[in-house]
N, C-alpha and C. Protein backbone atom coordinates (compact mmCIF):
# COMPACT_ATOMS: atom_id res chain seq x y z
N MET A 1 202.75 -73.91 62.85
CA MET A 1 204.00 -73.35 62.12
C MET A 1 203.61 -73.65 60.62
N LYS A 2 204.15 -72.59 59.85
CA LYS A 2 203.81 -72.63 58.44
C LYS A 2 204.85 -73.48 57.77
N PRO A 3 204.47 -74.14 56.58
CA PRO A 3 205.41 -75.11 55.96
C PRO A 3 206.81 -74.49 55.67
N CYS A 4 206.90 -73.24 55.23
CA CYS A 4 208.19 -72.68 54.94
C CYS A 4 208.97 -72.43 56.28
N GLU A 5 208.24 -72.12 57.28
CA GLU A 5 209.00 -72.00 58.53
C GLU A 5 209.50 -73.28 59.02
N LEU A 6 208.69 -74.40 58.93
CA LEU A 6 209.28 -75.68 59.24
C LEU A 6 210.53 -76.07 58.37
N VAL A 7 210.54 -75.80 57.04
CA VAL A 7 211.63 -76.05 56.26
C VAL A 7 212.89 -75.27 56.63
N THR A 8 212.58 -74.00 57.00
CA THR A 8 213.72 -73.30 57.51
C THR A 8 214.26 -73.68 58.81
N LEU A 9 213.35 -74.12 59.70
CA LEU A 9 213.87 -74.73 60.97
C LEU A 9 214.65 -76.07 60.77
N VAL A 10 214.27 -76.81 59.91
CA VAL A 10 214.91 -78.15 59.66
C VAL A 10 216.15 -77.90 58.95
N THR A 11 216.29 -76.89 58.06
CA THR A 11 217.60 -76.64 57.42
C THR A 11 218.59 -76.01 58.34
N ALA A 12 218.13 -75.18 59.29
CA ALA A 12 219.05 -74.61 60.27
C ALA A 12 219.48 -75.70 61.18
N LEU A 13 218.64 -76.60 61.70
CA LEU A 13 219.06 -77.63 62.46
C LEU A 13 220.10 -78.53 61.80
N SER A 14 219.87 -78.80 60.52
CA SER A 14 220.81 -79.65 59.76
C SER A 14 222.21 -78.94 59.79
N CYS A 15 222.19 -77.63 59.61
CA CYS A 15 223.49 -76.80 59.45
C CYS A 15 224.21 -76.88 60.84
N VAL A 16 223.48 -76.83 61.94
CA VAL A 16 224.05 -76.84 63.38
C VAL A 16 224.67 -78.21 63.67
N ILE A 17 223.82 -79.24 63.18
CA ILE A 17 224.48 -80.56 63.37
C ILE A 17 225.64 -80.89 62.55
N ALA A 18 225.63 -80.48 61.32
CA ALA A 18 226.86 -80.62 60.50
C ALA A 18 228.02 -79.86 61.00
N LYS A 19 227.84 -78.70 61.58
CA LYS A 19 228.99 -77.81 62.02
C LYS A 19 229.49 -78.31 63.39
N ASN A 20 228.71 -78.91 64.22
CA ASN A 20 228.99 -79.24 65.61
C ASN A 20 229.28 -80.68 65.92
N PHE A 21 229.00 -81.53 65.02
CA PHE A 21 229.25 -83.00 65.20
C PHE A 21 230.15 -83.56 64.20
N SER A 22 230.86 -84.61 64.59
CA SER A 22 231.68 -85.23 63.59
C SER A 22 230.87 -85.77 62.53
N SER A 23 231.66 -86.13 61.38
CA SER A 23 230.91 -86.67 60.26
C SER A 23 230.21 -88.08 60.63
N GLU A 24 230.86 -88.77 61.46
CA GLU A 24 230.29 -90.19 61.83
C GLU A 24 229.09 -89.85 62.67
N ASP A 25 229.18 -88.96 63.59
CA ASP A 25 227.96 -88.79 64.60
C ASP A 25 226.84 -88.18 63.73
N ALA A 26 227.06 -87.19 62.73
CA ALA A 26 226.14 -86.64 61.92
C ALA A 26 225.44 -87.69 61.12
N ALA A 27 226.22 -88.57 60.54
CA ALA A 27 225.73 -89.69 59.73
C ALA A 27 224.72 -90.62 60.61
N LEU A 28 225.11 -90.87 61.83
CA LEU A 28 224.39 -91.66 62.74
C LEU A 28 223.09 -91.01 63.05
N LEU A 29 223.09 -89.56 63.33
CA LEU A 29 221.88 -88.91 63.48
C LEU A 29 220.95 -88.86 62.33
N ALA A 30 221.50 -88.72 61.15
CA ALA A 30 220.75 -88.73 59.95
C ALA A 30 219.98 -90.15 59.85
N ALA A 31 220.76 -91.18 60.01
CA ALA A 31 220.22 -92.57 59.93
C ALA A 31 219.01 -92.71 61.01
N ALA A 32 219.35 -92.19 62.15
CA ALA A 32 218.21 -92.43 63.21
C ALA A 32 217.07 -91.49 62.85
N PHE A 33 217.21 -90.34 62.42
CA PHE A 33 216.04 -89.47 62.08
C PHE A 33 215.31 -90.16 60.78
N THR A 34 216.02 -90.73 59.90
CA THR A 34 215.38 -91.42 58.78
C THR A 34 214.48 -92.56 59.33
N GLN A 35 215.05 -93.35 60.21
CA GLN A 35 214.40 -94.50 60.84
C GLN A 35 213.11 -93.97 61.59
N LEU A 36 213.25 -92.91 62.28
CA LEU A 36 212.21 -92.28 63.13
C LEU A 36 210.93 -91.95 62.11
N GLY A 37 211.41 -91.11 61.04
CA GLY A 37 210.35 -90.86 60.12
C GLY A 37 209.71 -91.95 59.34
N ASP A 38 210.36 -92.97 59.04
CA ASP A 38 209.91 -94.19 58.46
C ASP A 38 208.89 -94.92 59.46
N SER A 39 209.37 -95.03 60.75
CA SER A 39 208.49 -95.77 61.75
C SER A 39 207.26 -94.95 61.90
N ILE A 40 207.31 -93.65 61.93
CA ILE A 40 206.11 -92.88 62.23
C ILE A 40 205.13 -93.00 61.00
N THR A 41 205.74 -93.01 59.70
CA THR A 41 204.84 -93.28 58.57
C THR A 41 204.28 -94.62 58.61
N THR A 42 204.83 -95.64 58.92
CA THR A 42 204.42 -97.05 59.06
C THR A 42 203.23 -96.93 60.06
N ILE A 43 203.37 -96.44 61.22
CA ILE A 43 202.37 -96.40 62.21
C ILE A 43 201.11 -95.71 61.76
N LEU A 44 201.36 -94.53 61.13
CA LEU A 44 200.19 -93.79 60.65
C LEU A 44 199.44 -94.54 59.55
N VAL A 45 200.17 -95.19 58.52
CA VAL A 45 199.56 -95.82 57.54
C VAL A 45 198.74 -97.06 57.99
N ALA A 46 199.38 -97.81 58.89
CA ALA A 46 198.80 -98.84 59.46
C ALA A 46 197.44 -98.54 60.28
N GLU A 47 197.52 -97.43 61.04
CA GLU A 47 196.32 -96.92 61.65
C GLU A 47 195.17 -96.53 60.63
N GLU A 48 195.64 -95.90 59.54
CA GLU A 48 194.75 -95.36 58.47
C GLU A 48 194.03 -96.61 57.94
N LEU A 49 194.71 -97.64 57.66
CA LEU A 49 194.22 -98.88 57.15
C LEU A 49 193.52 -99.85 58.06
N LYS A 50 193.59 -99.36 59.28
CA LYS A 50 193.18 -100.15 60.42
C LYS A 50 193.62 -101.57 60.32
N ALA A 51 194.84 -101.76 60.03
CA ALA A 51 195.47 -103.04 59.91
C ALA A 51 195.99 -103.45 61.26
N ASP A 52 195.58 -104.77 61.71
CA ASP A 52 196.09 -105.29 62.88
C ASP A 52 197.23 -106.23 62.43
N LEU A 53 198.47 -105.73 62.33
CA LEU A 53 199.59 -106.52 61.79
C LEU A 53 200.32 -107.46 62.77
N ILE A 54 199.92 -107.21 64.04
CA ILE A 54 200.73 -107.98 65.07
C ILE A 54 199.76 -109.10 65.56
């Protein structure tokens, strides 16, 4: 998938969520997706640094 296609997909998904979920549920989804992204980033950076953090 090309970068602009990915941006378009994410934007469309955001609009669908905002339209079909309550504000509270949409906020919870946003928080969960933020945590998901942060966790993936942490894992990738730790692997890149070959850090044995546990």
